[in-house]
PDB file of N, CA and C in Angstrom:
ATOM      1  N   MET A   1      20.903 149.186 130.635  1.00  0.00           N
ATOM      2  CA  MET A   1      21.850 148.587 129.705  1.00  0.00           C
ATOM      3  C   MET A   1      22.502 147.385 130.390  1.00  0.00           C
ATOM      4  N   SER A   2      22.503 146.231 129.736  1.00  0.00           N
ATOM      5  CA  SER A   2      23.084 145.030 130.332  1.00  0.00           C
ATOM      6  C   SER A   2      24.575 144.941 130.027  1.00  0.00           C
ATOM      7  N   ARG A   3      25.256 144.217 130.907  1.00  0.00           N
ATOM      8  CA  ARG A   3      26.696 144.022 130.731  1.00  0.00           C
ATOM      9  C   ARG A   3      26.971 143.033 129.619  1.00  0.00           C
ATOM     10  N   GLU A   4      28.092 143.222 128.946  1.00  0.00           N
ATOM     11  CA  GLU A   4      28.519 142.273 127.929  1.00  0.00           C
ATOM     12  C   GLU A   4      28.987 141.003 128.634  1.00  0.00           C
ATOM     13  N   LYS A   5      28.550 139.861 128.129  1.00  0.00           N
ATOM     14  CA  LYS A   5      28.956 138.591 128.737  1.00  0.00           C
ATOM     15  C   LYS A   5      30.402 138.308 128.385  1.00  0.00           C
ATOM     16  N   LYS A   6      31.153 137.870 129.404  1.00  0.00           N
ATOM     17  CA  LYS A   6      32.549 137.542 129.137  1.00  0.00           C
ATOM     18  C   LYS A   6      32.656 136.086 128.711  1.00  0.00           C
ATOM     19  N   ASP A   7      33.705 135.793 127.970  1.00  0.00           N
ATOM     20  CA  ASP A   7      33.981 134.426 127.554  1.00  0.00           C
ATOM     21  C   ASP A   7      34.472 133.679 128.788  1.00  0.00           C
ATOM     22  N   ALA A   8      33.683 132.763 129.287  1.00  0.00           N
ATOM     23  CA  ALA A   8      34.015 132.112 130.555  1.00  0.00           C
ATOM     24  C   ALA A   8      33.719 130.622 130.502  1.00  0.00           C
ATOM     25  N   LYS A   9      34.353 129.903 131.388  1.00  0.00           N
ATOM     26  CA  LYS A   9      34.088 128.476 131.586  1.00  0.00           C
ATOM     27  C   LYS A   9      33.747 128.271 133.052  1.00  0.00           C
ATOM     28  N   ASN A  10      32.807 127.393 133.321  1.00  0.00           N
ATOM     29  CA  ASN A  10      32.466 127.073 134.701  1.00  0.00           C
ATOM     30  C   ASN A  10      33.544 126.192 135.307  1.00  0.00           C
ATOM     31  N   PHE A  11      33.789 126.406 136.594  1.00  0.00           N
ATOM     32  CA  PHE A  11      34.793 125.640 137.315  1.00  0.00           C
ATOM     33  C   PHE A  11      34.312 125.482 138.744  1.00  0.00           C
ATOM     34  N   ALA A  12      34.191 124.258 139.192  1.00  0.00           N
ATOM     35  CA  ALA A  12      33.727 124.004 140.562  1.00  0.00           C
ATOM     36  C   ALA A  12      34.852 123.352 141.354  1.00  0.00           C
ATOM     37  N   CYS A  13      35.000 123.779 142.588  1.00  0.00           N
ATOM     38  CA  CYS A  13      36.002 123.165 143.452  1.00  0.00           C
ATOM     39  C   CYS A  13      35.557 123.266 144.896  1.00  0.00           C
ATOM     40  N   LYS A  14      36.158 122.460 145.741  1.00  0.00           N
ATOM     41  CA  LYS A  14      35.860 122.487 147.168  1.00  0.00           C
ATOM     42  C   LYS A  14      36.962 123.248 147.885  1.00  0.00           C
ATOM     43  N   PHE A  15      36.560 124.071 148.837  1.00  0.00           N
ATOM     44  CA  PHE A  15      37.495 124.832 149.648  1.00  0.00           C
ATOM     45  C   PHE A  15      37.477 124.303 151.074  1.00  0.00           C
ATOM     46  N   ASP A  16      38.618 124.362 151.716  1.00  0.00           N
ATOM     47  CA  ASP A  16      38.674 124.145 153.152  1.00  0.00           C
ATOM     48  C   ASP A  16      37.729 125.158 153.791  1.00  0.00           C
ATOM     49  N   ARG A  17      36.991 124.761 154.811  1.00  0.00           N
ATOM     50  CA  ARG A  17      35.981 125.628 155.424  1.00  0.00           C
ATOM     51  C   ARG A  17      36.571 126.957 155.898  1.00  0.00           C
ATOM     52  N   GLU A  18      37.745 126.926 156.527  1.00  0.00           N
ATOM     53  CA  GLU A  18      38.362 128.161 157.026  1.00  0.00           C
ATOM     54  C   GLU A  18      38.708 129.119 155.890  1.00  0.00           C
ATOM     55  N   ILE A  19      39.252 128.582 154.809  1.00  0.00           N
ATOM     56  CA  ILE A  19      39.600 129.421 153.662  1.00  0.00           C
ATOM     57  C   ILE A  19      38.335 130.022 153.058  1.00  0.00           C
ATOM     58  N   PHE A  20      37.288 129.221 152.945  1.00  0.00           N
ATOM     59  CA  PHE A  20      36.038 129.719 152.372  1.00  0.00           C
ATOM     60  C   PHE A  20      35.444 130.823 153.234  1.00  0.00           C
ATOM     61  N   GLU A  21      35.497 130.648 154.554  1.00  0.00           N
ATOM     62  CA  GLU A  21      34.972 131.682 155.449  1.00  0.00           C
ATOM     63  C   GLU A  21      35.777 132.974 155.323  1.00  0.00           C
ATOM     64  N   LYS A  22      37.095 132.864 155.154  1.00  0.00           N
ATOM     65  CA  LYS A  22      37.923 134.053 154.939  1.00  0.00           C
ATOM     66  C   LYS A  22      37.558 134.722 153.614  1.00  0.00           C
ATOM     67  N   LEU A  23      37.326 133.908 152.594  1.00  0.00           N
ATOM     68  CA  LEU A  23      36.915 134.437 151.292  1.00  0.00           C
ATOM     69  C   LEU A  23      35.594 135.186 151.410  1.00  0.00           C
ATOM     70  N   GLU A  24      34.638 134.599 152.092  1.00  0.00           N
ATOM     71  CA  GLU A  24      33.346 135.268 152.280  1.00  0.00           C
ATOM     72  C   GLU A  24      33.496 136.588 153.025  1.00  0.00           C
ATOM     73  N   GLU A  25      34.311 136.595 154.075  1.00  0.00           N
ATOM     74  CA  GLU A  25      34.520 137.826 154.838  1.00  0.00           C
ATOM     75  C   GLU A  25      35.183 138.891 153.962  1.00  0.00           C
ATOM     76  N   PHE A  26      36.207 138.479 153.210  1.00  0.00           N
ATOM     77  CA  PHE A  26      36.903 139.413 152.328  1.00  0.00           C
ATOM     78  C   PHE A  26      35.928 140.014 151.322  1.00  0.00           C
ATOM     79  N   CYS A  27      35.113 139.173 150.718  1.00  0.00           N
ATOM     80  CA  CYS A  27      34.152 139.649 149.713  1.00  0.00           C
ATOM     81  C   CYS A  27      33.142 140.599 150.326  1.00  0.00           C
ATOM     82  N   GLU A  28      32.662 140.264 151.500  1.00  0.00           N
ATOM     83  CA  GLU A  28      31.690 141.133 152.162  1.00  0.00           C
ATOM     84  C   GLU A  28      32.308 142.495 152.475  1.00  0.00           C
ATOM     85  N   LEU A  29      33.526 142.498 153.000  1.00  0.00           N
ATOM     86  CA  LEU A  29      34.181 143.751 153.371  1.00  0.00           C
ATOM     87  C   LEU A  29      34.580 144.585 152.157  1.00  0.00           C
ATOM     88  N   SER A  30      35.003 143.912 151.090  1.00  0.00           N
ATOM     89  CA  SER A  30      35.506 144.629 149.917  1.00  0.00           C
ATOM     90  C   SER A  30      34.426 144.963 148.892  1.00  0.00           C
ATOM     91  N   GLY A  31      33.269 144.303 149.017  1.00  0.00           N
ATOM     92  CA  GLY A  31      32.205 144.535 148.050  1.00  0.00           C
ATOM     93  C   GLY A  31      32.416 143.828 146.724  1.00  0.00           C
ATOM     94  N   GLN A  32      33.370 142.911 146.676  1.00  0.00           N
ATOM     95  CA  GLN A  32      33.643 142.155 145.453  1.00  0.00           C
ATOM     96  C   GLN A  32      32.952 140.794 145.540  1.00  0.00           C
ATOM     97  N   ASN A  33      32.656 140.218 144.381  1.00  0.00           N
ATOM     98  CA  ASN A  33      32.051 138.884 144.405  1.00  0.00           C
ATOM     99  C   ASN A  33      33.158 137.814 144.437  1.00  0.00           C
ATOM    100  N   LYS A  34      32.778 136.606 144.822  1.00  0.00           N
ATOM    101  CA  LYS A  34      33.753 135.518 144.967  1.00  0.00           C
ATOM    102  C   LYS A  34      34.450 135.192 143.654  1.00  0.00           C
ATOM    103  N   THR A  35      33.709 135.224 142.562  1.00  0.00           N
ATOM    104  CA  THR A  35      34.313 134.909 141.266  1.00  0.00           C
ATOM    105  C   THR A  35      35.461 135.859 140.958  1.00  0.00           C
ATOM    106  N   ALA A  36      35.225 137.148 141.128  1.00  0.00           N
ATOM    107  CA  ALA A  36      36.258 138.140 140.824  1.00  0.00           C
ATOM    108  C   ALA A  36      37.482 137.957 141.716  1.00  0.00           C
ATOM    109  N   VAL A  37      37.262 137.732 143.006  1.00  0.00           N
ATOM    110  CA  VAL A  37      38.377 137.576 143.943  1.00  0.00           C
ATOM    111  C   VAL A  37      39.184 136.328 143.614  1.00  0.00           C
ATOM    112  N   VAL A  38      38.507 135.220 143.369  1.00  0.00           N
ATOM    113  CA  VAL A  38      39.215 133.965 143.074  1.00  0.00           C
ATOM    114  C   VAL A  38      39.935 134.062 141.735  1.00  0.00           C
ATOM    115  N   GLU A  39      39.302 134.660 140.727  1.00  0.00           N
ATOM    116  CA  GLU A  39      39.975 134.833 139.426  1.00  0.00           C
ATOM    117  C   GLU A  39      41.268 135.633 139.581  1.00  0.00           C
ATOM    118  N   ARG A  40      41.199 136.733 140.308  1.00  0.00           N
ATOM    119  CA  ARG A  40      42.394 137.568 140.490  1.00  0.00           C
ATOM    120  C   ARG A  40      43.473 136.831 141.273  1.00  0.00           C
ATOM    121  N   ALA A  41      43.078 136.093 142.303  1.00  0.00           N
ATOM    122  CA  ALA A  41      44.048 135.359 143.112  1.00  0.00           C
ATOM    123  C   ALA A  41      44.738 134.264 142.296  1.00  0.00           C
ATOM    124  N   VAL A  42      43.970 133.520 141.517  1.00  0.00           N
ATOM    125  CA  VAL A  42      44.540 132.452 140.694  1.00  0.00           C
ATOM    126  C   VAL A  42      45.448 133.043 139.621  1.00  0.00           C
ATOM    127  N   GLU A  43      44.998 134.118 138.984  1.00  0.00           N
ATOM    128  CA  GLU A  43      45.815 134.758 137.950  1.00  0.00           C
ATOM    129  C   GLU A  43      47.152 135.232 138.535  1.00  0.00           C
ATOM    130  N   LYS A  44      47.110 135.860 139.701  1.00  0.00           N
ATOM    131  CA  LYS A  44      48.336 136.341 140.343  1.00  0.00           C
ATOM    132  C   LYS A  44      49.264 135.166 140.679  1.00  0.00           C
ATOM    133  N   TYR A  45      48.700 134.096 141.233  1.00  0.00           N
ATOM    134  CA  TYR A  45      49.496 132.920 141.589  1.00  0.00           C
ATOM    135  C   TYR A  45      50.181 132.338 140.355  1.00  0.00           C
ATOM    136  N   ILE A  46      49.440 132.202 139.282  1.00  0.00           N
ATOM    137  CA  ILE A  46      50.002 131.641 138.053  1.00  0.00           C
ATOM    138  C   ILE A  46      51.097 132.542 137.498  1.00  0.00           C
ATOM    139  N   GLU A  47      50.835 133.848 137.450  1.00  0.00           N
ATOM    140  CA  GLU A  47      51.844 134.785 136.946  1.00  0.00           C
ATOM    141  C   GLU A  47      53.136 134.714 137.757  1.00  0.00           C
ATOM    142  N   GLU A  48      53.013 134.545 139.071  1.00  0.00           N
ATOM    143  CA  GLU A  48      54.185 134.515 139.940  1.00  0.00           C
ATOM    144  C   GLU A  48      54.940 133.189 139.877  1.00  0.00           C
ATOM    145  N   ASN A  49      54.284 132.115 139.438  1.00  0.00           N
ATOM    146  CA  ASN A  49      54.897 130.789 139.523  1.00  0.00           C
ATOM    147  C   ASN A  49      55.059 130.040 138.207  1.00  0.00           C
ATOM    148  N   LEU A  50      54.488 130.528 137.130  1.00  0.00           N
ATOM    149  CA  LEU A  50      54.490 129.774 135.869  1.00  0.00           C
ATOM    150  C   LEU A  50      55.893 129.514 135.334  1.00  0.00           C
ATOM    151  N   GLU A  51      56.735 130.522 135.322  1.00  0.00           N
ATOM    152  CA  GLU A  51      58.086 130.333 134.781  1.00  0.00           C
ATOM    153  C   GLU A  51      58.870 129.303 135.588  1.00  0.00           C
ATOM    154  N   MET A  52      58.748 129.349 136.904  1.00  0.00           N
ATOM    155  CA  MET A  52      59.446 128.389 137.755  1.00  0.00           C
ATOM    156  C   MET A  52      58.952 126.971 137.472  1.00  0.00           C
ATOM    157  N   ILE A  53      57.657 126.806 137.323  1.00  0.00           N
ATOM    158  CA  ILE A  53      57.092 125.486 137.044  1.00  0.00           C
ATOM    159  C   ILE A  53      57.559 124.987 135.680  1.00  0.00           C
ATOM    160  N   LYS A  54      57.637 125.873 134.703  1.00  0.00           N
ATOM    161  CA  LYS A  54      58.123 125.484 133.380  1.00  0.00           C
ATOM    162  C   LYS A  54      59.572 124.990 133.469  1.00  0.00           C
ATOM    163  N   GLU A  55      60.395 125.657 134.251  1.00  0.00           N
ATOM    164  CA  GLU A  55      61.793 125.249 134.406  1.00  0.00           C
ATOM    165  C   GLU A  55      61.893 123.885 135.090  1.00  0.00           C
ATOM    166  N   VAL A  56      61.090 123.670 136.095  1.00  0.00           N
ATOM    167  CA  VAL A  56      61.073 122.376 136.786  1.00  0.00           C
ATOM    168  C   VAL A  56      60.615 121.290 135.832  1.00  0.00           C
ATOM    169  N   ALA A  57      59.579 121.567 135.057  1.00  0.00           N
ATOM    170  CA  ALA A  57      59.048 120.576 134.122  1.00  0.00           C
ATOM    171  C   ALA A  57      60.069 120.181 133.059  1.00  0.00           C
ATOM    172  N   LYS A  58      60.901 121.132 132.633  1.00  0.00           N
ATOM    173  CA  LYS A  58      61.927 120.822 131.631  1.00  0.00           C
ATOM    174  C   LYS A  58      62.921 119.804 132.160  1.00  0.00           C
ATOM    175  N   LYS A  59      63.160 119.809 133.465  1.00  0.00           N
ATOM    176  CA  LYS A  59      64.162 118.934 134.064  1.00  0.00           C
ATOM    177  C   LYS A  59      63.627 117.526 134.322  1.00  0.00           C
ATOM    178  N   LEU A  60      62.340 117.340 134.172  1.00  0.00           N
ATOM    179  CA  LEU A  60      61.760 116.009 134.416  1.00  0.00           C
ATOM    180  C   LEU A  60      61.881 115.109 133.218  1.00  0.00           C
TER     181      LEU A  60
END
C-alpha cells in the first residue's frame, strides 16, 4: 500500500557546511529524513517567533 501524497511545495536553499553536517548526523542517528527534520524545525521557529514579528511589523 502506498502512502498518500501530501500537499507540498518544493523549496531549495543553501546551508552552511557545518549546519548541514550536523543535520546529516542528526538524521542518521534519529532515523528521520532531512525534509521531516527541517519542516519541524522551521515550524517550531515560526510558532515561537511569529507573534513577536507581527508586533514589530506593526510598529514600522
